[in-house]
Structure formats: structure tokens, C-alpha cells
Amino acid sequence: MTDINALLLPRGSAKGACPVEGVSEDALSALTGRLGTRQRAWLNAHGFDTAAGNHIVLPGPDGSIDRVLLGMGSGDAQPDPFKAGALCSALPPGAYTIDEVDVDHHLAALGWLLEAYRFSRYKEHKSVEAKLVTPEGVEREHVLNVARAVYLTRDLINTPASDMGPGELEDAVRSLARGHHARVEVTSGADLEENFPMIHAVGRASSGEPRLIDMTWGAGKAPKVTLVGKGVCFDTGGLDIKPSAGMLLMKKDMGGAANVLGLASMIMGAGLPVRLRVLIPAVENAISGNAFRPGDILTSRKGLSVEIGNTDAEGRLVLADALDLADEEEPDLLIDMATLTGAARVALGPDIAPVFTADDALAQSLARHSACERDPLWRLPLWDGYKTMLDSKVADTNNVGGAGFAGSITAALFLNRFVTRARSYVHFDIYGWTPSDKPARPRGGEAQGIRALFAHIREVFPPS
């Protein structure tokens, strides 16, 4: 397991550390003129290119590392700080400083830690040994807190359903709660039928009992921040079964739960002055003789009847019961996160998470923090004109839109019916997965939106 504390050294450790120097295309000739004959020859022999992210290690007279040059590209585009962070997996063991690299040092330091992530539960991986001295002006504990939360999120998503069913997800919540003296209550199995009927209906076909996990932390009189995460630990699609290719990544269908736990870890780790509540409906959408069926009509916790147009649209059903519970206490901020629709991926691809909210001020704040944190989000509309797509002749609503259009929007509109009291509500339709390696974002489970959310919450409710 990666020891992130050892990878990000305190500021006082800078003595003897090797400097990393950022070099743009325009500055290369001036830099070359400052180098000695041997270093110029070394640079020319290797054909160093200042394209963003390229690097070269320059030797000193005794053969040790004198400095590292990092390509910054050309033009006016703001360099990607994660490319500076990605150096950690390319450099030899030792300590380095990036004070001379013209990027956002906070994000570069975070990127250094996120690039170092390795999922080693089932296979050993070579660990990163290049250490970074905390750049000047960067809050080391803040960076470590965020990185720990991202690691937690990634670990949970990367773990296969054989070891991350509803029970194991509960164990993960209890482990996080113990570390922060939070409280956990769980309603499971047949006890769900009366108060959480849709969670029960979706999860009853699995040998792993469905459950609603309820974690609370913080002072009761503090502003209420409530997080709801979709915890479908594996999704076969139910009786509307997915093709085999569609099931390959369904271990990540609890990515919403993993992300809200990551966000909760950030909030508690920073000691923000809020009353935090985390609700996770944890189920497996399996197939057996008692699985819920297309055409069934379920009565939700809120009392709305829901016709099942497709059993593969199960996430919104379990979220609806949890959102109704969350909404009862009128939270100041209610957030739900879910790997909900393929339509969101068609619209925005895997890297950008759609955001739905009727709160314009919240949307503007999230957009600002998204840009600052390089945590891409994009607001999509809660378009009232599409509500009729969810109409049912036999129930208050269908769980899917009948027209085949705007699937992410109609899913958000469905969830919106179950939130009427919260002062502010936002829904995230995330992918929770990085399909191919990127700087600081290795292929696999991913935290999406929670760094921007944490920045917003930390700004509104700053630590004392």
C-alpha cells in the first residue's frame, strides 16, 4: 500500500532535494546557454523536446542528478499541473522540489500523490520512491487529506463484487466511521420492506442482503450536509439482463457510494463545522425467482407508485427511497452521486460528470471550483418539458422515459420528485472510472466531482 505521508515531505525537508525546472519552448535556448558544455551535450544527445509533460534528468559533474527539466509546451495555454505530478512515477528515487515549475503547486502536489496510487490488493506493483517536498504556500495536511479520500474511493470501486458486496460495503462505512468517531445505523433484509420498499425490491434477489447504511457525524445543531450514494455492488440488469460486455465493469456500479464516502472522508478529515449524514442504499441487482419484474408497480417510501419499465434502471429506485429519508430533515445541502445512466456518457464522455440542480448559485460555485480543482463537471438542465416522458397509465410515474431520449435528464427528473424540502439539492451522474491512463489518473476506479464539491463545502463552511 502506498504511504502517501512518506511521498509528500514537509517543507523543511527541501535541503539537498533535486530541483525540477519548468522549460517552455521559448525559454529553451536561454536555458541551454546557462548550462555547461557536458549538460548541453547531454541535452542535445537526447533530443529533449519541451512538449508539455516531457522531462529529462540532467547529470551533475559527479554523475549525480543535478536537476530535472520538465517541458511546459508553448503558447498561452495554462500547463496541466497533473503532468508535473506525474513525474513521480518516472523519476529515480530521491527527493524533489517543484518550486521552479510555473503551475498550480497545490494541484501538482496532489497530482504527485494521485499518480503514485497503486491497487495492490490482488497483485503486487512496484511502489513509487520519488518524494516531493511540499511546495511553498501549499497546505500539506490538506493535500494529504484529499489524496487519502481519493485513494479510498478508488480502492472501493476497484474491488470486485466478490469482495465488495452489500455487507462488505457496510464494513467499509463502519471502518471509516471508526476513524472519525461517527455513528452508523443499518436497516437490512426484511426490515427494509415497510420503510424502504424499493431498496428491498431491488436487492431481495441477491444472497447478499440489501441494506440502507446511515452514517452521521458532527454536532447536531450544525448546518446539515447530507450525501446519498448509489451502492449497487453489482448490476446484472435484473430480468432485463445486460449483455456480457455490459457487465464487465459493473463492479463500479457502487461508484456513487464510493464517491460520497470519499467526500465524507475529506469533510471529517478537515473537521468542517457541519452535521454530516451519509446514506447508502447497498444492494446487488441479481436474478432469481423473487427478482422484481418489468411491469411491476412498486410503492416508494414517499408513497409514489412506480411502474417498472426496465429492471436495469434500478439505481434511481434505491436512491429514491434514500433521498426521501434524507429530505425529511430539510438539509441545508443534499447531494446524491450515482453511476446512473449510459446517456450521461454519450453526452459528456467518461471524464466529465453531468450535474443537475435548480440552485443557480450552487451551480455557479461548483463550476468555479471545478475549473480551479481540475475536476471536470458540466451542468445539464432539469428540463420540465421532459417530465411527460416518465408518465405511466397505471402508476404515478415510470422509472424510465419511454421515448429513448434524454436519459440522463429524465433520470434526474425522476429523482427530483423525491426531494421537496432540502434547501439546496444537486444530483451527479458520474462514470466513476478512468478508461485509460492519464497523468495522476490511472486506469480504474475514479473519484469524480468530490474535489470540486469539497472545495465548495469548505468555502461555505470553513474550518475554524
Protein backbone atom coordinates (compact mmCIF):
# COMPACT_ATOMS: atom_id res chain seq x y z
CA MET A 1 0.00 0.00 0.00
CA THR A 2 1.29 3.43 -0.94
CA ASP A 3 2.39 5.52 2.05
CA ILE A 4 1.36 8.98 0.92
CA ASN A 5 2.74 10.61 4.08
CA ALA A 6 6.21 9.46 3.07
CA LEU A 7 5.76 10.70 -0.51
CA LEU A 8 4.93 14.30 0.43
CA LEU A 9 7.72 15.60 2.62
CA PRO A 10 7.34 18.57 5.00
CA ARG A 11 8.51 21.92 3.72
CA GLY A 12 11.58 21.83 5.96
CA SER A 13 12.98 18.86 4.04
CA ALA A 14 13.98 20.90 1.00
CA LYS A 15 17.72 20.88 1.78
CA GLY A 16 19.50 18.61 -0.68
CA ALA A 17 16.39 17.96 -2.76
CA CYS A 18 16.75 17.94 -6.52
CA PRO A 19 15.01 20.86 -8.26
CA VAL A 20 12.57 20.35 -11.10
CA GLU A 21 12.65 23.29 -13.52
CA GLY A 22 9.86 24.03 -15.97
CA VAL A 23 11.01 24.86 -19.50
CA SER A 24 8.83 26.27 -22.27
CA GLU A 25 9.74 26.18 -25.95
CA ASP A 26 10.61 29.89 -25.88
CA ALA A 27 12.86 29.53 -22.82
CA LEU A 28 14.84 26.51 -24.01
CA SER A 29 17.56 28.43 -25.86
CA ALA A 30 18.17 30.75 -22.89
CA LEU A 31 18.38 27.75 -20.57
CA THR A 32 20.81 25.97 -22.88
CA GLY A 33 23.08 29.00 -22.77
CA ARG A 34 23.31 28.73 -18.96
CA LEU A 35 24.29 25.06 -19.00
CA GLY A 36 27.81 23.72 -19.00
CA THR A 37 29.32 22.03 -22.02
CA ARG A 38 28.60 18.50 -20.79
CA GLN A 39 24.98 19.24 -19.90
CA ARG A 40 24.39 20.92 -23.28
CA ALA A 41 25.84 17.86 -24.98
CA TRP A 42 23.61 15.61 -22.86
CA LEU A 43 20.54 17.67 -23.75
CA ASN A 44 21.37 17.62 -27.47
CA ALA A 45 22.17 13.92 -27.47
CA HIS A 46 18.77 13.08 -26.02
CA GLY A 47 16.89 15.49 -28.28
CA PHE A 48 14.91 16.98 -25.41
CA ASP A 49 11.53 18.29 -26.54
CA THR A 50 9.71 20.88 -24.41
CA ALA A 51 6.27 19.43 -25.23
CA ALA A 52 4.10 19.54 -22.10
CA GLY A 53 4.94 16.68 -19.75
CA ASN A 54 8.23 15.64 -21.37
CA HIS A 55 11.17 15.55 -18.99
CA ILE A 56 14.90 14.92 -18.88
CA VAL A 57 17.26 14.28 -15.96
CA LEU A 58 20.45 16.33 -16.17
CA PRO A 59 23.55 14.83 -14.54
CA GLY A 60 25.99 16.83 -12.44
CA PRO A 61 29.81 16.69 -12.71
CA ASP A 62 29.96 13.67 -10.36
CA GLY A 63 27.23 11.76 -12.18
CA SER A 64 24.53 12.53 -9.62
CA ILE A 65 21.27 14.21 -10.63
CA ASP A 66 21.77 17.96 -10.94
CA ARG A 67 18.21 18.89 -11.91
CA VAL A 68 15.18 17.73 -13.83
CA LEU A 69 13.80 19.70 -16.77
CA LEU A 70 10.06 19.49 -17.37
CA GLY A 71 8.59 20.53 -20.70
CA MET A 72 5.88 23.18 -20.38
CA GLY A 73 4.80 23.31 -24.01
CA SER A 74 4.27 26.52 -25.91
CA GLY A 75 1.58 29.16 -26.28
CA ASP A 76 -0.68 30.72 -23.68
CA ALA A 77 -2.48 27.56 -22.52
CA GLN A 78 -2.25 27.00 -18.78
CA PRO A 79 0.03 23.98 -18.22
CA ASP A 80 -1.62 20.92 -16.70
CA PRO A 81 -0.31 20.66 -13.11
CA PHE A 82 -1.08 16.94 -13.08
CA LYS A 83 1.66 16.47 -15.68
CA ALA A 84 4.12 17.83 -13.15
CA GLY A 85 2.67 15.47 -10.57
CA ALA A 86 3.02 12.54 -12.95
CA LEU A 87 6.80 12.88 -12.72
CA CYS A 88 6.72 10.83 -9.54
CA SER A 89 6.32 7.57 -11.48
CA ALA A 90 9.12 8.46 -13.92
CA LEU A 91 11.89 9.83 -11.69
CA PRO A 92 14.59 7.89 -9.81
CA PRO A 93 14.30 7.53 -6.02
CA GLY A 94 15.07 10.70 -4.13
CA ALA A 95 13.54 13.99 -3.00
CA TYR A 96 12.49 16.68 -5.47
CA THR A 97 11.16 20.24 -5.40
CA ILE A 98 8.85 21.85 -7.96
CA ASP A 99 9.02 25.43 -6.73
CA GLU A 100 10.56 26.47 -10.06
CA VAL A 101 7.73 24.98 -12.13
CA ASP A 102 5.09 27.54 -13.13
CA VAL A 103 1.95 25.52 -12.38
CA ASP A 104 -0.64 25.38 -9.61
CA HIS A 105 1.57 23.88 -6.90
CA HIS A 106 -1.36 22.61 -4.83
CA LEU A 107 -2.65 20.54 -7.76
CA ALA A 108 0.84 19.44 -8.75
CA ALA A 109 1.46 18.13 -5.22
CA LEU A 110 -1.92 16.42 -5.22
CA GLY A 111 -1.17 15.02 -8.66
CA TRP A 112 2.11 13.60 -7.36
CA LEU A 113 0.19 11.57 -4.78
CA LEU A 114 -2.62 10.57 -7.12
CA GLU A 115 -0.13 9.38 -9.75
CA ALA A 116 1.51 7.21 -7.07
CA TYR A 117 -1.72 5.28 -6.43
CA ARG A 118 -1.46 1.53 -6.91
CA PHE A 119 -4.26 -1.02 -6.38
CA SER A 120 -2.29 -3.87 -4.84
CA ARG A 121 -4.92 -5.98 -3.11
CA TYR A 122 -4.56 -8.85 -5.56
CA LYS A 123 -1.27 -8.14 -7.36
CA GLU A 124 1.93 -6.51 -6.19
CA HIS A 125 3.03 -3.38 -8.03
CA LYS A 126 6.32 -1.54 -7.84
CA SER A 127 5.84 1.37 -5.50
CA VAL A 128 6.83 4.95 -6.23
CA GLU A 129 10.03 6.06 -4.49
CA ALA A 130 10.36 9.62 -5.77
CA LYS A 131 9.35 12.00 -2.99
CA LEU A 132 8.14 15.59 -3.26
CA VAL A 133 8.95 18.38 -0.85
CA THR A 134 5.75 20.28 -0.12
CA PRO A 135 5.87 23.41 -2.30
CA GLU A 136 5.88 26.81 -0.64
CA GLY A 137 2.37 28.03 0.18
CA VAL A 138 0.79 24.57 -0.09
CA GLU A 139 -1.12 23.13 2.88
CA ARG A 140 0.45 19.68 3.27
CA GLU A 141 -2.29 18.28 5.52
CA HIS A 142 -4.99 19.49 3.14
CA VAL A 143 -3.32 17.74 0.18
CA LEU A 144 -2.86 14.55 2.20
CA ASN A 145 -6.49 14.63 3.35
CA VAL A 146 -7.79 14.92 -0.22
CA ALA A 147 -5.41 12.25 -1.52
CA ARG A 148 -6.45 9.77 1.20
CA ALA A 149 -10.07 10.26 0.23
CA VAL A 150 -9.36 9.69 -3.46
CA TYR A 151 -7.42 6.53 -2.60
CA LEU A 152 -10.38 5.28 -0.56
CA THR A 153 -12.77 5.96 -3.43
CA ARG A 154 -10.54 4.22 -5.96
CA ASP A 155 -9.95 1.20 -3.70
CA LEU A 156 -13.67 0.67 -3.14
CA ILE A 157 -14.52 0.84 -6.83
CA ASN A 158 -11.59 -1.32 -7.92
CA THR A 159 -12.52 -4.13 -5.53
CA PRO A 160 -14.60 -6.78 -7.35
CA ALA A 161 -18.11 -7.65 -6.23
CA SER A 162 -16.88 -10.98 -4.83
CA ASP A 163 -15.20 -8.92 -2.09
CA MET A 164 -17.38 -5.79 -2.20
CA GLY A 165 -21.00 -6.85 -1.78
CA PRO A 166 -23.56 -5.02 0.37
CA GLY A 167 -22.09 -6.49 3.57
CA GLU A 168 -18.53 -5.52 2.69
CA LEU A 169 -19.65 -2.04 1.72
CA GLU A 170 -21.22 -1.74 5.16
CA ASP A 171 -17.90 -2.87 6.67
CA ALA A 172 -16.11 -0.13 4.71
CA VAL A 173 -18.51 2.50 6.08
CA ARG A 174 -18.03 1.24 9.63
CA SER A 175 -14.25 1.34 9.20
CA LEU A 176 -14.37 4.96 8.01
CA ALA A 177 -16.77 5.84 10.82
CA ARG A 178 -14.48 4.37 13.48
CA GLY A 179 -11.60 6.52 12.27
CA HIS A 180 -13.65 9.69 12.79
CA HIS A 181 -15.91 8.71 15.71
CA ALA A 182 -19.02 8.75 13.51
CA ARG A 183 -22.18 6.75 14.19
CA VAL A 184 -23.61 4.08 11.90
CA GLU A 185 -27.09 2.54 11.79
CA VAL A 186 -28.12 -0.14 9.31
CA THR A 187 -31.52 -1.43 8.22
CA SER A 188 -31.27 -4.68 6.28
CA GLY A 189 -33.14 -7.61 4.77
CA ALA A 190 -36.84 -7.98 5.52
CA ASP A 191 -36.69 -4.97 7.87
CA LEU A 192 -36.50 -2.78 4.76
CA GLU A 193 -39.90 -3.80 3.41
CA GLU A 194 -42.02 -1.39 5.43
CA ASN A 195 -39.96 1.82 5.29
CA PHE A 196 -37.68 1.30 2.26
CA PRO A 197 -39.73 -0.89 -0.08
CA MET A 198 -37.90 -0.07 -3.30
CA ILE A 199 -34.47 -0.76 -1.80
CA HIS A 200 -35.84 -4.11 -0.65
CA ALA A 201 -37.43 -4.91 -4.01
CA VAL A 202 -34.25 -4.22 -5.97
CA GLY A 203 -31.96 -6.16 -3.63
CA ARG A 204 -34.09 -9.09 -2.49
CA ALA A 205 -32.98 -11.47 -5.28
CA SER A 206 -29.37 -11.47 -4.09
CA SER A 207 -27.85 -13.76 -1.48
CA GLY A 208 -26.24 -10.63 -0.06
CA GLU A 209 -28.98 -8.89 1.91
CA PRO A 210 -29.89 -5.38 0.78
CA ARG A 211 -29.43 -2.66 3.36
CA LEU A 212 -29.64 1.05 4.00
CA ILE A 213 -26.46 2.33 5.66
CA ASP A 214 -26.86 5.55 7.65
CA MET A 215 -23.74 7.31 8.99
CA THR A 216 -23.81 10.57 10.95
CA TRP A 217 -21.00 12.80 12.22
CA GLY A 218 -20.70 16.25 13.74
CA ALA A 219 -22.70 18.46 16.06
CA GLY A 220 -26.45 18.09 15.80
CA LYS A 221 -27.07 21.86 15.63
CA ALA A 222 -24.52 22.48 12.87
CA PRO A 223 -25.63 23.08 9.25
CA LYS A 224 -26.81 19.82 7.71
CA VAL A 225 -24.90 18.38 4.75
CA THR A 226 -26.32 15.06 3.55
CA LEU A 227 -24.72 12.75 1.00
CA VAL A 228 -26.59 9.94 -0.74
CA GLY A 229 -24.63 7.42 -2.82
CA LYS A 230 -25.85 4.67 -5.11
CA GLY A 231 -24.46 1.42 -3.70
CA VAL A 232 -25.35 -1.17 -6.35
CA CYS A 233 -22.45 -3.53 -5.71
CA PHE A 234 -23.08 -5.44 -8.93
CA ASP A 235 -25.68 -4.88 -11.62
CA THR A 236 -26.72 -7.75 -13.85
CA GLY A 237 -29.53 -5.58 -15.18
CA GLY A 238 -32.00 -7.84 -13.37
CA LEU A 239 -34.53 -9.66 -15.55
CA ASP A 240 -33.81 -7.06 -18.26
CA ILE A 241 -30.37 -8.64 -18.23
CA LYS A 242 -27.32 -6.86 -19.61
CA PRO A 243 -25.18 -8.49 -22.32
CA SER A 244 -21.88 -9.90 -21.05
CA ALA A 245 -19.91 -6.88 -22.32
CA GLY A 246 -22.23 -4.61 -20.37
CA MET A 247 -21.47 -6.46 -17.12
CA LEU A 248 -17.67 -6.32 -17.31
CA LEU A 249 -17.41 -3.07 -15.34
CA MET A 250 -20.47 -3.47 -13.14
CA LYS A 251 -18.34 -3.78 -10.03
CA LYS A 252 -18.17 0.00 -10.38
CA ASP A 253 -21.94 0.46 -10.09
CA MET A 254 -21.39 1.34 -6.44
CA GLY A 255 -19.19 4.23 -7.58
CA GLY A 256 -21.68 6.76 -6.21
CA ALA A 257 -21.37 5.22 -2.75
CA ALA A 258 -17.58 5.14 -3.06
CA ASN A 259 -17.50 8.80 -4.06
CA VAL A 260 -19.73 10.04 -1.24
CA LEU A 261 -17.58 8.08 1.22
CA GLY A 262 -14.52 9.79 -0.25
CA LEU A 263 -16.21 13.17 0.14
CA ALA A 264 -17.25 12.28 3.69
CA SER A 265 -13.64 11.35 4.45
CA MET A 266 -12.49 14.79 3.25
CA ILE A 267 -15.14 16.60 5.30
CA MET A 268 -14.44 14.69 8.50
CA GLY A 269 -10.67 14.78 7.98
CA ALA A 270 -10.81 18.57 7.68
CA GLY A 271 -13.09 18.88 10.70
CA LEU A 272 -15.58 21.07 8.87
CA PRO A 273 -18.30 22.55 11.13
CA VAL A 274 -21.25 20.63 9.66
CA ARG A 275 -23.59 17.86 10.71
CA LEU A 276 -22.72 15.27 8.09
CA ARG A 277 -25.05 12.45 7.14
CA VAL A 278 -24.25 9.73 4.61
CA LEU A 279 -26.97 7.43 3.28
CA ILE A 280 -26.05 4.44 1.11
CA PRO A 281 -28.65 2.01 -0.23
CA ALA A 282 -26.42 -1.04 -0.71
CA VAL A 283 -27.82 -3.79 -2.94
CA GLU A 284 -26.95 -6.24 -5.68
CA ASN A 285 -29.30 -6.24 -8.67
CA ALA A 286 -29.34 -10.00 -9.13
CA ILE A 287 -31.62 -12.55 -10.78
CA SER A 288 -33.58 -15.25 -9.00
CA GLY A 289 -37.18 -16.39 -8.61
CA ASN A 290 -38.09 -13.42 -6.43
CA ALA A 291 -36.45 -10.72 -8.55
CA PHE A 292 -38.60 -7.70 -9.32
CA ARG A 293 -40.01 -7.70 -12.85
CA PRO A 294 -40.73 -5.37 -15.77
CA GLY A 295 -44.32 -4.21 -15.37
CA ASP A 296 -44.29 -4.49 -11.58
CA ILE A 297 -45.60 -1.49 -9.66
CA LEU A 298 -43.62 -0.59 -6.55
CA THR A 299 -44.79 1.79 -3.87
CA SER A 300 -41.91 4.04 -2.79
CA ARG A 301 -41.16 5.22 0.73
CA LYS A 302 -42.62 8.59 -0.27
CA GLY A 303 -45.87 6.92 -1.27
CA LEU A 304 -45.50 7.47 -5.03
CA SER A 305 -46.24 4.39 -7.11
CA VAL A 306 -43.58 3.49 -9.68
CA GLU A 307 -44.17 1.31 -12.74
CA ILE A 308 -41.07 -0.67 -13.69
CA GLY A 309 -40.37 -0.05 -17.33
CA ASN A 310 -36.90 -1.60 -17.07
CA THR A 311 -35.23 -3.50 -14.22
CA ASP A 312 -31.85 -2.19 -15.39
CA ALA A 313 -32.88 1.28 -14.18
CA GLU A 314 -32.64 0.13 -10.58
CA GLY A 315 -30.26 2.76 -9.23
CA ARG A 316 -32.85 5.52 -9.26
CA LEU A 317 -35.25 3.27 -7.33
CA VAL A 318 -32.92 2.69 -4.39
CA LEU A 319 -31.81 6.33 -4.45
CA ALA A 320 -35.44 7.50 -4.35
CA ASP A 321 -36.12 5.80 -1.01
CA ALA A 322 -32.86 7.10 0.45
CA LEU A 323 -33.48 10.63 -0.85
CA ASP A 324 -36.93 10.68 0.70
CA LEU A 325 -35.39 9.84 4.09
CA ALA A 326 -32.68 12.47 3.62
CA ASP A 327 -35.21 15.10 2.58
CA GLU A 328 -37.32 14.69 5.73
CA GLU A 329 -34.91 16.66 7.92
CA GLU A 330 -34.60 19.55 5.44
CA PRO A 331 -30.82 19.51 4.98
CA ASP A 332 -29.04 22.71 4.04
CA LEU A 333 -27.27 20.85 1.24
CA LEU A 334 -28.33 17.50 -0.20
CA ILE A 335 -26.02 15.77 -2.68
CA ASP A 336 -26.56 12.48 -4.47
CA MET A 337 -23.98 10.72 -6.59
CA ALA A 338 -24.61 7.74 -8.82
CA THR A 339 -23.24 5.83 -11.78
CA LEU A 340 -26.72 6.20 -13.17
CA THR A 341 -27.07 6.38 -16.96
CA GLY A 342 -25.26 5.46 -20.13
CA ALA A 343 -26.90 8.54 -21.62
CA ALA A 344 -24.60 10.72 -19.49
CA ARG A 345 -21.57 9.03 -21.03
CA VAL A 346 -22.93 9.50 -24.55
CA ALA A 347 -23.47 13.20 -23.81
CA LEU A 348 -20.23 14.05 -22.00
CA GLY A 349 -17.94 11.02 -22.18
CA PRO A 350 -16.19 9.34 -19.24
CA ASP A 351 -14.23 12.32 -17.87
CA ILE A 352 -16.96 14.93 -17.34
CA ALA A 353 -19.72 14.40 -14.79
CA PRO A 354 -23.15 15.91 -15.53
CA VAL A 355 -24.58 17.98 -12.68
CA PHE A 356 -28.29 18.70 -12.18
CA THR A 357 -29.58 21.34 -9.78
CA ALA A 358 -32.23 24.04 -9.63
CA ASP A 359 -29.92 26.15 -7.44
CA ASP A 360 -28.16 28.58 -9.80
CA ALA A 361 -25.79 29.89 -7.12
CA LEU A 362 -24.71 26.37 -6.26
CA ALA A 363 -24.21 25.52 -9.93
CA GLN A 364 -22.04 28.61 -10.42
CA SER A 365 -19.94 27.81 -7.36
CA LEU A 366 -19.42 24.21 -8.48
CA ALA A 367 -18.42 25.36 -11.97
CA ARG A 368 -15.84 27.72 -10.48
CA HIS A 369 -14.38 25.10 -8.17
CA SER A 370 -14.46 22.51 -10.93
CA ALA A 371 -12.17 24.71 -13.02
CA CYS A 372 -9.87 25.54 -10.10
CA GLU A 373 -9.55 21.93 -8.98
CA ARG A 374 -9.35 20.43 -12.49
CA ASP A 375 -12.27 18.22 -11.51
CA PRO A 376 -14.47 18.47 -14.63
CA LEU A 377 -18.24 18.95 -14.22
CA TRP A 378 -20.92 20.27 -16.56
CA ARG A 379 -24.41 21.42 -15.70
CA LEU A 380 -27.28 19.84 -17.66
CA PRO A 381 -30.88 21.10 -17.43
CA LEU A 382 -33.73 19.79 -15.32
CA TRP A 383 -35.97 20.35 -18.35
CA ASP A 384 -39.60 20.30 -17.21
CA GLY A 385 -40.79 19.60 -20.72
CA TYR A 386 -39.38 16.07 -20.48
CA LYS A 387 -41.37 15.14 -17.37
CA THR A 388 -44.12 13.63 -19.53
CA MET A 389 -41.62 11.05 -20.81
CA LEU A 390 -41.95 9.40 -17.40
CA ASP A 391 -45.78 9.25 -17.49
CA SER A 392 -47.47 5.95 -16.67
CA LYS A 393 -51.09 4.97 -17.25
CA VAL A 394 -51.12 2.70 -14.19
CA ALA A 395 -48.83 4.42 -11.67
CA ASP A 396 -47.69 7.88 -10.56
CA THR A 397 -44.54 7.52 -12.67
CA ASN A 398 -42.50 5.10 -14.70
CA ASN A 399 -38.88 4.52 -13.75
CA VAL A 400 -37.68 5.12 -17.33
CA GLY A 401 -38.53 7.50 -20.13
CA GLY A 402 -40.47 5.86 -22.91
CA ALA A 403 -39.09 7.88 -25.82
CA GLY A 404 -35.45 6.80 -25.57
CA PHE A 405 -34.27 10.43 -25.48
CA ALA A 406 -32.53 12.49 -22.76
CA GLY A 407 -31.94 9.51 -20.48
CA SER A 408 -29.73 11.38 -18.01
CA ILE A 409 -32.22 14.26 -17.75
CA THR A 410 -35.25 12.03 -17.26
CA ALA A 411 -33.38 10.09 -14.56
CA ALA A 412 -32.61 13.38 -12.78
CA LEU A 413 -36.25 14.45 -13.12
CA PHE A 414 -37.33 11.14 -11.59
CA LEU A 415 -35.07 11.67 -8.56
CA ASN A 416 -36.15 15.29 -8.25
CA ARG A 417 -39.70 14.16 -7.42
CA PHE A 418 -38.41 12.70 -4.16
CA VAL A 419 -36.75 15.91 -2.92
CA THR A 420 -39.09 18.73 -1.85
CA ARG A 421 -37.73 20.06 1.46
CA ALA A 422 -33.96 20.34 1.13
CA ARG A 423 -32.74 23.93 0.94
CA SER A 424 -30.37 23.03 -1.89
CA TYR A 425 -30.11 19.79 -3.88
CA VAL A 426 -27.70 18.59 -6.55
CA HIS A 427 -27.52 15.30 -8.45
CA PHE A 428 -24.31 13.93 -10.03
CA ASP A 429 -24.47 11.29 -12.78
CA ILE A 430 -20.86 10.06 -12.67
CA TYR A 431 -18.94 7.35 -14.51
CA GLY A 432 -16.57 6.53 -11.64
CA TRP A 433 -13.93 5.04 -13.93
CA THR A 434 -10.90 6.17 -15.93
CA PRO A 435 -10.81 4.05 -19.11
CA SER A 436 -7.10 4.62 -19.89
CA ASP A 437 -4.11 6.00 -18.01
CA LYS A 438 -3.85 9.78 -17.73
CA PRO A 439 -1.49 11.92 -15.62
CA ALA A 440 -2.47 11.40 -11.96
CA ARG A 441 -5.46 9.32 -13.08
CA PRO A 442 -4.51 5.67 -13.61
CA ARG A 443 -6.94 3.35 -15.36
CA GLY A 444 -9.57 2.10 -12.93
CA GLY A 445 -11.96 3.40 -10.31
CA GLU A 446 -12.02 7.17 -10.01
CA ALA A 447 -13.19 9.99 -7.77
CA GLN A 448 -15.30 12.39 -9.84
CA GLY A 449 -16.71 15.67 -8.64
CA ILE A 450 -15.82 15.24 -4.98
CA ARG A 451 -12.79 17.54 -5.04
CA ALA A 452 -14.92 20.34 -6.50
CA LEU A 453 -17.68 19.58 -4.02
CA PHE A 454 -15.26 19.60 -1.10
CA ALA A 455 -13.82 22.94 -2.22
CA HIS A 456 -17.35 24.37 -2.33
CA ILE A 457 -18.35 22.97 1.07
CA ARG A 458 -15.04 24.08 2.63
CA GLU A 459 -15.62 27.60 1.29
CA VAL A 460 -19.20 27.79 2.63
CA PHE A 461 -18.38 26.09 5.96
CA PRO A 462 -14.67 26.85 6.56
CA PRO A 463 -12.83 25.03 9.36
CA SER A 464 -12.47 27.10 12.49
